[in-house]
């Protein structure tokens, strides 16, 4: 699955994007899940600080 993302990011202008993976805890069950997104570099901190 990661190969598709990496191959898609090799296009021109792709250096402006970053793949971010965040671990999120469920309030209902207490279990953890992972949330992945490809974001512009300037939006990474907002994504990580958002709860």
N, C-alpha and C. Protein backbone atom coordinates (compact mmCIF):
# COMPACT_ATOMS: atom_id res chain seq x y z
N UNK A 1 0.83 -1.19 0.00
CA UNK A 1 0.00 0.00 0.00
C UNK A 1 0.87 1.25 0.00
N UNK A 2 1.99 1.24 0.67
CA UNK A 2 2.85 2.42 0.73
C UNK A 2 3.47 2.71 -0.63
N UNK A 3 3.67 1.68 -1.44
CA UNK A 3 4.30 1.87 -2.74
C UNK A 3 3.47 2.80 -3.62
N UNK A 4 2.15 2.69 -3.57
CA UNK A 4 1.30 3.56 -4.39
C UNK A 4 1.45 5.01 -3.97
N UNK A 5 1.51 5.26 -2.68
CA UNK A 5 1.64 6.63 -2.19
C UNK A 5 2.99 7.20 -2.58
N UNK A 6 4.05 6.43 -2.41
CA UNK A 6 5.38 6.91 -2.75
C UNK A 6 5.49 7.17 -4.24
N UNK A 7 4.95 6.30 -5.07
CA UNK A 7 5.00 6.49 -6.51
C UNK A 7 4.20 7.72 -6.92
N UNK A 8 3.09 7.97 -6.25
CA UNK A 8 2.27 9.14 -6.57
C UNK A 8 2.92 10.44 -6.15
N UNK A 9 3.78 10.39 -5.15
CA UNK A 9 4.44 11.60 -4.66
C UNK A 9 5.69 11.96 -5.45
N UNK A 10 6.08 11.17 -6.40
CA UNK A 10 7.29 11.45 -7.17
C UNK A 10 7.06 12.41 -8.33
N UNK A 11 5.83 12.85 -8.52
CA UNK A 11 5.52 13.77 -9.60
C UNK A 11 6.05 15.16 -9.26
N UNK A 12 6.06 16.04 -10.24
CA UNK A 12 6.56 17.39 -10.03
C UNK A 12 5.70 18.13 -9.00
N UNK A 13 6.32 18.82 -8.08
CA UNK A 13 5.61 19.53 -7.04
C UNK A 13 5.27 18.67 -5.85
N UNK A 14 5.68 17.42 -5.87
CA UNK A 14 5.34 16.50 -4.79
C UNK A 14 6.17 16.74 -3.54
N UNK A 15 7.27 17.45 -3.66
CA UNK A 15 8.09 17.72 -2.48
C UNK A 15 7.37 18.66 -1.51
N UNK A 16 6.28 19.24 -1.94
CA UNK A 16 5.50 20.12 -1.08
C UNK A 16 4.52 19.34 -0.21
N UNK A 17 4.46 18.02 -0.36
CA UNK A 17 3.51 17.18 0.37
C UNK A 17 4.24 16.18 1.26
N UNK A 18 3.57 15.79 2.34
CA UNK A 18 4.13 14.84 3.29
C UNK A 18 3.06 13.85 3.69
N UNK A 19 3.43 12.58 3.83
CA UNK A 19 2.50 11.57 4.33
C UNK A 19 2.62 11.55 5.85
N UNK A 20 1.49 11.75 6.54
CA UNK A 20 1.47 11.85 7.99
C UNK A 20 0.61 10.73 8.56
N UNK A 21 1.13 10.06 9.58
CA UNK A 21 0.39 8.99 10.26
C UNK A 21 0.25 9.40 11.72
N UNK A 22 -1.00 9.39 12.20
CA UNK A 22 -1.29 9.80 13.58
C UNK A 22 -2.04 8.69 14.29
N UNK A 23 -1.65 8.41 15.53
CA UNK A 23 -2.34 7.42 16.33
C UNK A 23 -3.45 8.12 17.11
N UNK A 24 -4.68 7.60 16.99
CA UNK A 24 -5.85 8.22 17.61
C UNK A 24 -6.50 7.20 18.55
N UNK A 25 -6.80 7.64 19.76
CA UNK A 25 -7.46 6.78 20.75
C UNK A 25 -8.97 6.98 20.68
N UNK A 26 -9.71 5.88 20.64
CA UNK A 26 -11.16 5.93 20.61
C UNK A 26 -11.69 6.21 22.01
N UNK A 27 -12.60 7.17 22.13
CA UNK A 27 -13.20 7.48 23.42
C UNK A 27 -14.14 6.37 23.89
N UNK A 28 -14.79 5.73 22.96
CA UNK A 28 -15.79 4.72 23.29
C UNK A 28 -15.16 3.41 23.79
N UNK A 29 -14.17 2.89 23.06
CA UNK A 29 -13.60 1.59 23.40
C UNK A 29 -12.23 1.69 24.06
N UNK A 30 -11.54 2.81 23.91
CA UNK A 30 -10.21 2.95 24.48
C UNK A 30 -9.12 2.37 23.62
N UNK A 31 -9.48 1.82 22.47
CA UNK A 31 -8.46 1.24 21.59
C UNK A 31 -7.86 2.32 20.68
N UNK A 32 -6.72 2.01 20.11
CA UNK A 32 -6.03 2.95 19.25
C UNK A 32 -6.20 2.55 17.78
N UNK A 33 -6.24 3.54 16.92
CA UNK A 33 -6.26 3.31 15.48
C UNK A 33 -5.33 4.33 14.84
N UNK A 34 -4.98 4.11 13.59
CA UNK A 34 -4.07 4.99 12.89
C UNK A 34 -4.81 5.73 11.79
N UNK A 35 -4.51 7.01 11.67
CA UNK A 35 -5.12 7.86 10.66
C UNK A 35 -4.01 8.38 9.76
N UNK A 36 -4.10 8.11 8.46
CA UNK A 36 -3.08 8.51 7.49
C UNK A 36 -3.65 9.54 6.53
N UNK A 37 -2.83 10.54 6.21
CA UNK A 37 -3.21 11.53 5.22
C UNK A 37 -1.97 12.04 4.52
N UNK A 38 -2.14 12.49 3.29
CA UNK A 38 -1.09 13.16 2.54
C UNK A 38 -1.47 14.63 2.53
N UNK A 39 -0.62 15.46 3.15
CA UNK A 39 -0.94 16.86 3.36
C UNK A 39 0.18 17.76 2.85
N UNK A 40 -0.15 19.03 2.56
CA UNK A 40 0.91 20.00 2.27
C UNK A 40 1.78 20.18 3.52
N UNK A 41 3.06 20.49 3.32
CA UNK A 41 3.99 20.58 4.45
C UNK A 41 3.55 21.60 5.50
N UNK A 42 2.91 22.67 5.09
CA UNK A 42 2.53 23.69 6.06
C UNK A 42 1.31 23.29 6.90
N UNK A 43 0.60 22.24 6.55
CA UNK A 43 -0.57 21.81 7.30
C UNK A 43 -0.28 20.63 8.24
N UNK A 44 0.95 20.18 8.29
CA UNK A 44 1.29 18.99 9.09
C UNK A 44 1.11 19.27 10.58
N UNK A 45 1.61 20.38 11.08
CA UNK A 45 1.50 20.68 12.51
C UNK A 45 0.06 20.85 12.94
N UNK A 46 -0.77 21.44 12.09
CA UNK A 46 -2.20 21.57 12.41
C UNK A 46 -2.86 20.21 12.52
N UNK A 47 -2.49 19.30 11.63
CA UNK A 47 -3.05 17.94 11.66
C UNK A 47 -2.63 17.20 12.93
N UNK A 48 -1.37 17.32 13.31
CA UNK A 48 -0.87 16.61 14.49
C UNK A 48 -1.38 17.21 15.79
N UNK A 49 -1.62 18.52 15.83
CA UNK A 49 -2.11 19.16 17.05
C UNK A 49 -3.62 19.05 17.21
N UNK A 50 -4.33 18.75 16.13
CA UNK A 50 -5.78 18.62 16.17
C UNK A 50 -6.18 17.37 16.93
N UNK A 51 -7.20 17.49 17.78
CA UNK A 51 -7.64 16.31 18.55
C UNK A 51 -8.96 15.83 18.09
